[in-house]
C-alpha atoms as a PDB file:
ATOM      1  CA  UNK A   1      91.528 -28.537  19.691  1.00  0.00           C
ATOM      2  CA  UNK A   2      89.721 -27.538  22.882  1.00  0.00           C
ATOM      3  CA  UNK A   3      86.544 -29.289  21.685  1.00  0.00           C
ATOM      4  CA  UNK A   4      88.423 -32.589  21.273  1.00  0.00           C
ATOM      5  CA  UNK A   5      89.874 -32.341  24.739  1.00  0.00           C
ATOM      6  CA  UNK A   6      86.525 -31.595  26.323  1.00  0.00           C
ATOM      7  CA  UNK A   7      84.976 -34.560  24.502  1.00  0.00           C
ATOM      8  CA  UNK A   8      87.774 -36.833  25.691  1.00  0.00           C
ATOM      9  CA  UNK A   9      87.347 -35.601  29.223  1.00  0.00           C
ATOM     10  CA  UNK A  10      83.606 -36.372  29.123  1.00  0.00           C
ATOM     11  CA  UNK A  11      84.265 -39.862  27.748  1.00  0.00           C
ATOM     12  CA  UNK A  12      86.903 -40.557  30.341  1.00  0.00           C
ATOM     13  CA  UNK A  13      84.740 -39.201  33.130  1.00  0.00           C
ATOM     14  CA  UNK A  14      81.735 -41.360  32.160  1.00  0.00           C
ATOM     15  CA  UNK A  15      81.722 -44.614  34.077  1.00  0.00           C
ATOM     16  CA  UNK A  16      81.721 -47.832  32.038  1.00  0.00           C
ATOM     17  CA  UNK A  17      78.374 -49.631  31.707  1.00  0.00           C
ATOM     18  CA  UNK A  18      77.581 -52.158  34.371  1.00  0.00           C
ATOM     19  CA  UNK A  19      76.965 -55.805  33.613  1.00  0.00           C
ATOM     20  CA  UNK A  20      73.274 -55.218  34.437  1.00  0.00           C
ATOM     21  CA  UNK A  21      73.095 -52.419  31.842  1.00  0.00           C
ATOM     22  CA  UNK A  22      74.686 -54.639  29.181  1.00  0.00           C
ATOM     23  CA  UNK A  23      72.291 -57.510  29.973  1.00  0.00           C
ATOM     24  CA  UNK A  24      69.292 -55.170  29.736  1.00  0.00           C
ATOM     25  CA  UNK A  25      70.498 -53.810  26.396  1.00  0.00           C
ATOM     26  CA  UNK A  26      70.993 -57.360  25.077  1.00  0.00           C
ATOM     27  CA  UNK A  27      67.506 -58.414  26.234  1.00  0.00           C
ATOM     28  CA  UNK A  28      65.998 -55.332  24.565  1.00  0.00           C
ATOM     29  CA  UNK A  29      67.868 -56.128  21.349  1.00  0.00           C
ATOM     30  CA  UNK A  30      66.813 -59.800  21.512  1.00  0.00           C
ATOM     31  CA  UNK A  31      63.160 -58.786  21.964  1.00  0.00           C
ATOM     32  CA  UNK A  32      63.400 -56.347  19.050  1.00  0.00           C
ATOM     33  CA  UNK A  33      64.906 -59.005  16.739  1.00  0.00           C
ATOM     34  CA  UNK A  34      62.260 -61.582  17.790  1.00  0.00           C
ATOM     35  CA  UNK A  35      59.458 -59.130  17.003  1.00  0.00           C
ATOM     36  CA  UNK A  36      60.966 -58.327  13.597  1.00  0.00           C
ATOM     37  CA  UNK A  37      61.367 -62.044  12.770  1.00  0.00           C
ATOM     38  CA  UNK A  38      57.740 -62.718  13.769  1.00  0.00           C
ATOM     39  CA  UNK A  39      56.596 -59.861  11.517  1.00  0.00           C
ATOM     40  CA  UNK A  40      58.617 -61.246   8.602  1.00  0.00           C
ATOM     41  CA  UNK A  41      57.226 -64.757   9.194  1.00  0.00           C
ATOM     42  CA  UNK A  42      53.673 -63.355   9.232  1.00  0.00           C
ATOM     43  CA  UNK A  43      54.284 -61.581   5.905  1.00  0.00           C
ATOM     44  CA  UNK A  44      55.584 -64.817   4.383  1.00  0.00           C
ATOM     45  CA  UNK A  45      52.486 -66.709   5.589  1.00  0.00           C
ATOM     46  CA  UNK A  46      50.178 -64.003   4.232  1.00  0.00           C
ATOM     47  CA  UNK A  47      51.670 -64.097   0.758  1.00  0.00           C
ATOM     48  CA  UNK A  48      51.127 -67.883   0.504  1.00  0.00           C
ATOM     49  CA  UNK A  49      53.529 -70.254  -1.188  1.00  0.00           C
ATOM     50  CA  UNK A  50      55.502 -68.609  -3.978  1.00  0.00           C
ATOM     51  CA  UNK A  51      56.894 -71.123  -6.445  1.00  0.00           C
ATOM     52  CA  UNK A  52      58.675 -70.134  -9.649  1.00  0.00           C
ATOM     53  CA  UNK A  53      56.602 -66.985 -10.089  1.00  0.00           C
ATOM     54  CA  UNK A  54      53.227 -68.647  -9.357  1.00  0.00           C
ATOM     55  CA  UNK A  55      51.218 -68.266  -6.177  1.00  0.00           C
ATOM     56  CA  UNK A  56      49.854 -71.641  -5.092  1.00  0.00           C
ATOM     57  CA  UNK A  57      46.966 -71.895  -2.639  1.00  0.00           C
ATOM     58  CA  UNK A  58      45.095 -75.173  -2.131  1.00  0.00           C
ATOM     59  CA  UNK A  59      43.635 -77.171   0.729  1.00  0.00           C
ATOM     60  CA  UNK A  60      41.769 -80.401   1.407  1.00  0.00           C
ATOM     61  CA  UNK A  61      40.270 -81.175   4.792  1.00  0.00           C
ATOM     62  CA  UNK A  62      38.110 -84.108   5.901  1.00  0.00           C
ATOM     63  CA  UNK A  63      35.545 -84.388   8.672  1.00  0.00           C
ATOM     64  CA  UNK A  64      36.537 -87.104  11.147  1.00  0.00           C
ATOM     65  CA  UNK A  65      34.141 -86.555  14.047  1.00  0.00           C
ATOM     66  CA  UNK A  66      31.378 -87.345  14.538  1.00  0.00           C
ATOM     67  CA  UNK A  67      31.735 -90.670  12.743  1.00  0.00           C
ATOM     68  CA  UNK A  68      27.919 -90.944  12.582  1.00  0.00           C
ATOM     69  CA  UNK A  69      26.267 -88.113  14.478  1.00  0.00           C
ATOM     70  CA  UNK A  70      24.832 -84.641  14.265  1.00  0.00           C
ATOM     71  CA  UNK A  71      25.865 -81.078  13.624  1.00  0.00           C
ATOM     72  CA  UNK A  72      24.131 -78.332  15.568  1.00  0.00           C
ATOM     73  CA  UNK A  73      21.764 -75.850  13.931  1.00  0.00           C
ATOM     74  CA  UNK A  74      23.595 -72.990  12.155  1.00  0.00           C
ATOM     75  CA  UNK A  75      26.994 -74.490  13.174  1.00  0.00           C
ATOM     76  CA  UNK A  76      30.168 -74.189  11.117  1.00  0.00           C
ATOM     77  CA  UNK A  77      31.639 -77.565  10.167  1.00  0.00           C
ATOM     78  CA  UNK A  78      35.196 -78.055  11.385  1.00  0.00           C
ATOM     79  CA  UNK A  79      36.899 -80.404   8.936  1.00  0.00           C
ATOM     80  CA  UNK A  80      39.698 -81.288  11.318  1.00  0.00           C
ATOM     81  CA  UNK A  81      41.859 -83.705   9.260  1.00  0.00           C
ATOM     82  CA  UNK A  82      43.899 -81.487   6.933  1.00  0.00           C
ATOM     83  CA  UNK A  83      45.422 -83.453   4.042  1.00  0.00           C
ATOM     84  CA  UNK A  84      46.748 -80.429   2.096  1.00  0.00           C
ATOM     85  CA  UNK A  85      47.126 -76.803   3.131  1.00  0.00           C
ATOM     86  CA  UNK A  86      49.520 -75.073   0.733  1.00  0.00           C
ATOM     87  CA  UNK A  87      49.445 -71.372   1.511  1.00  0.00           C
ATOM     88  CA  UNK A  88      48.177 -72.045   5.063  1.00  0.00           C
ATOM     89  CA  UNK A  89      44.729 -70.619   4.339  1.00  0.00           C
ATOM     90  CA  UNK A  90      42.624 -73.300   6.035  1.00  0.00           C
ATOM     91  CA  UNK A  91      42.232 -73.422   9.830  1.00  0.00           C
ATOM     92  CA  UNK A  92      41.210 -76.917  10.935  1.00  0.00           C
ATOM     93  CA  UNK A  93      40.357 -75.743  14.460  1.00  0.00           C
ATOM     94  CA  UNK A  94      37.853 -73.182  13.131  1.00  0.00           C
ATOM     95  CA  UNK A  95      36.748 -74.770   9.838  1.00  0.00           C
ATOM     96  CA  UNK A  96      37.407 -71.439   8.121  1.00  0.00           C
ATOM     97  CA  UNK A  97      39.505 -70.731   5.026  1.00  0.00           C
ATOM     98  CA  UNK A  98      41.090 -67.263   5.003  1.00  0.00           C
ATOM     99  CA  UNK A  99      42.242 -65.962   1.619  1.00  0.00           C
ATOM    100  CA  UNK A 100      45.996 -65.305   1.744  1.00  0.00           C
ATOM    101  CA  UNK A 101      45.856 -63.406  -1.584  1.00  0.00           C
ATOM    102  CA  UNK A 102      43.208 -61.621  -3.638  1.00  0.00           C
ATOM    103  CA  UNK A 103      41.959 -63.812  -6.457  1.00  0.00           C
ATOM    104  CA  UNK A 104      39.457 -66.134  -8.080  1.00  0.00           C
ATOM    105  CA  UNK A 105      38.934 -69.325  -6.040  1.00  0.00           C
ATOM    106  CA  UNK A 106      36.997 -72.568  -6.478  1.00  0.00           C
ATOM    107  CA  UNK A 107      35.540 -74.464  -3.503  1.00  0.00           C
ATOM    108  CA  UNK A 108      33.870 -77.842  -3.149  1.00  0.00           C
ATOM    109  CA  UNK A 109      32.285 -79.521  -0.136  1.00  0.00           C
ATOM    110  CA  UNK A 110      30.696 -82.932   0.073  1.00  0.00           C
ATOM    111  CA  UNK A 111      28.920 -84.537   3.021  1.00  0.00           C
ATOM    112  CA  UNK A 112      26.836 -87.599   3.764  1.00  0.00           C
ATOM    113  CA  UNK A 113      23.603 -87.502   5.746  1.00  0.00           C
ATOM    114  CA  UNK A 114      23.760 -89.980   8.658  1.00  0.00           C
ATOM    115  CA  UNK A 115      20.099 -90.695   9.317  1.00  0.00           C
ATOM    116  CA  UNK A 116      16.573 -90.322   8.038  1.00  0.00           C
ATOM    117  CA  UNK A 117      15.910 -86.649   7.450  1.00  0.00           C
ATOM    118  CA  UNK A 118      17.746 -83.714   5.926  1.00  0.00           C
ATOM    119  CA  UNK A 119      21.221 -82.221   5.868  1.00  0.00           C
ATOM    120  CA  UNK A 120      21.240 -78.597   4.621  1.00  0.00           C
ATOM    121  CA  UNK A 121      24.720 -77.176   4.074  1.00  0.00           C
ATOM    122  CA  UNK A 122      25.731 -73.775   2.784  1.00  0.00           C
ATOM    123  CA  UNK A 123      29.016 -72.463   1.417  1.00  0.00           C
ATOM    124  CA  UNK A 124      29.656 -68.949   2.747  1.00  0.00           C
ATOM    125  CA  UNK A 125      31.926 -66.065   1.760  1.00  0.00           C
ATOM    126  CA  UNK A 126      32.165 -64.045   4.950  1.00  0.00           C
ATOM    127  CA  UNK A 127      28.457 -63.762   5.925  1.00  0.00           C
ATOM    128  CA  UNK A 128      27.115 -64.216   2.385  1.00  0.00           C
ATOM    129  CA  UNK A 129      25.586 -67.531   1.348  1.00  0.00           C
ATOM    130  CA  UNK A 130      27.206 -68.484  -1.983  1.00  0.00           C
ATOM    131  CA  UNK A 131      25.787 -71.999  -2.616  1.00  0.00           C
ATOM    132  CA  UNK A 132      23.487 -74.503  -0.898  1.00  0.00           C
ATOM    133  CA  UNK A 133      22.876 -78.228  -1.156  1.00  0.00           C
ATOM    134  CA  UNK A 134      20.577 -80.709   0.597  1.00  0.00           C
ATOM    135  CA  UNK A 135      21.128 -84.384   1.437  1.00  0.00           C
ATOM    136  CA  UNK A 136      18.102 -86.541   2.279  1.00  0.00           C
ATOM    137  CA  UNK A 137      17.784 -89.913   4.037  1.00  0.00           C
ATOM    138  CA  UNK A 138      21.386 -91.206   4.187  1.00  0.00           C
ATOM    139  CA  UNK A 139      22.387 -89.705   0.815  1.00  0.00           C
ATOM    140  CA  UNK A 140      25.310 -87.433  -0.003  1.00  0.00           C
ATOM    141  CA  UNK A 141      25.334 -83.814  -1.073  1.00  0.00           C
ATOM    142  CA  UNK A 142      27.927 -81.752  -2.919  1.00  0.00           C
ATOM    143  CA  UNK A 143      28.381 -77.990  -3.129  1.00  0.00           C
ATOM    144  CA  UNK A 144      30.693 -76.296  -5.594  1.00  0.00           C
ATOM    145  CA  UNK A 145      31.214 -72.655  -6.481  1.00  0.00           C
ATOM    146  CA  UNK A 146      33.791 -70.317  -7.993  1.00  0.00           C
ATOM    147  CA  UNK A 147      33.993 -66.726  -6.773  1.00  0.00           C
ATOM    148  CA  UNK A 148      36.403 -63.890  -6.028  1.00  0.00           C
ATOM    149  CA  UNK A 149      37.933 -63.233  -2.644  1.00  0.00           C
ATOM    150  CA  UNK A 150      39.740 -60.220  -1.284  1.00  0.00           C
ATOM    151  CA  UNK A 151      42.794 -60.737   0.914  1.00  0.00           C
ATOM    152  CA  UNK A 152      41.490 -61.832   4.350  1.00  0.00           C
ATOM    153  CA  UNK A 153      37.995 -62.927   3.207  1.00  0.00           C
ATOM    154  CA  UNK A 154      36.634 -66.049   4.910  1.00  0.00           C
ATOM    155  CA  UNK A 155      34.998 -69.117   3.373  1.00  0.00           C
ATOM    156  CA  UNK A 156      33.248 -71.785   5.425  1.00  0.00           C
ATOM    157  CA  UNK A 157      30.650 -74.547   5.295  1.00  0.00           C
ATOM    158  CA  UNK A 158      27.809 -74.561   7.786  1.00  0.00           C
ATOM    159  CA  UNK A 159      24.504 -76.186   8.625  1.00  0.00           C
ATOM    160  CA  UNK A 160      21.971 -73.642   7.361  1.00  0.00           C
ATOM    161  CA  UNK A 161      19.004 -75.381   8.932  1.00  0.00           C
ATOM    162  CA  UNK A 162      17.397 -74.170  12.174  1.00  0.00           C
ATOM    163  CA  UNK A 163      17.785 -77.611  13.758  1.00  0.00           C
ATOM    164  CA  UNK A 164      20.554 -80.159  14.113  1.00  0.00           C
ATOM    165  CA  UNK A 165      21.222 -82.448  11.159  1.00  0.00           C
ATOM    166  CA  UNK A 166      22.712 -85.917  10.823  1.00  0.00           C
ATOM    167  CA  UNK A 167      26.182 -86.090   9.271  1.00  0.00           C
ATOM    168  CA  UNK A 168      28.829 -88.741   8.667  1.00  0.00           C
ATOM    169  CA  UNK A 169      32.432 -87.900   9.462  1.00  0.00           C
ATOM    170  CA  UNK A 170      34.981 -90.739   9.409  1.00  0.00           C
ATOM    171  CA  UNK A 171      36.709 -88.983   6.490  1.00  0.00           C
ATOM    172  CA  UNK A 172      33.640 -89.362   4.239  1.00  0.00           C
ATOM    173  CA  UNK A 173      32.790 -85.638   4.239  1.00  0.00           C
ATOM    174  CA  UNK A 174      35.270 -83.044   2.972  1.00  0.00           C
ATOM    175  CA  UNK A 175      35.909 -79.360   2.161  1.00  0.00           C
ATOM    176  CA  UNK A 176      38.449 -78.269  -0.453  1.00  0.00           C
ATOM    177  CA  UNK A 177      39.439 -75.185  -2.340  1.00  0.00           C
ATOM    178  CA  UNK A 178      42.135 -73.692  -4.511  1.00  0.00           C
ATOM    179  CA  UNK A 179      43.228 -70.447  -6.067  1.00  0.00           C
ATOM    180  CA  UNK A 180      42.358 -70.373  -9.774  1.00  0.00           C
ATOM    181  CA  UNK A 181      43.891 -66.996 -10.614  1.00  0.00           C
ATOM    182  CA  UNK A 182      45.582 -64.156  -8.708  1.00  0.00           C
ATOM    183  CA  UNK A 183      43.877 -60.794  -9.267  1.00  0.00           C
END
């Protein structure tokens, strides 16, 4: 019984928390919950769209600007008009697709050359050139390839030539890809 009494005396002798202490504790708890929710949201984004037991990843993005202009030497094309982006793998501000899941993917890019000369485009997995195509004198080119990606691998289209090249945007050039099979 003496231990109960001493505990009660300690509780009774402790002053109640101040309003400032309660506010601080609530702010700490709110920050903790926000961080946990952000972490959960990130995990959901990383695992792509899960629909009836099937992981779906697909995107289609079109080049809008320049309408008729050039792309700098060795520059990554930023197909800024995203029509589809299931799985949120494509970043239209960077022009880079990031694999949300490990698997076999298929990619296609098509572009039109905007002037007399050449347009050399390459399809890249990380820093590795996977496919190349050349458009000459106002003609179009198409690149297509199927290859495996690890979670977090990047795929992009870039001018592989050492000088600027003419290209048509205005929605006439595009980059697309989709997950064929989860591995």
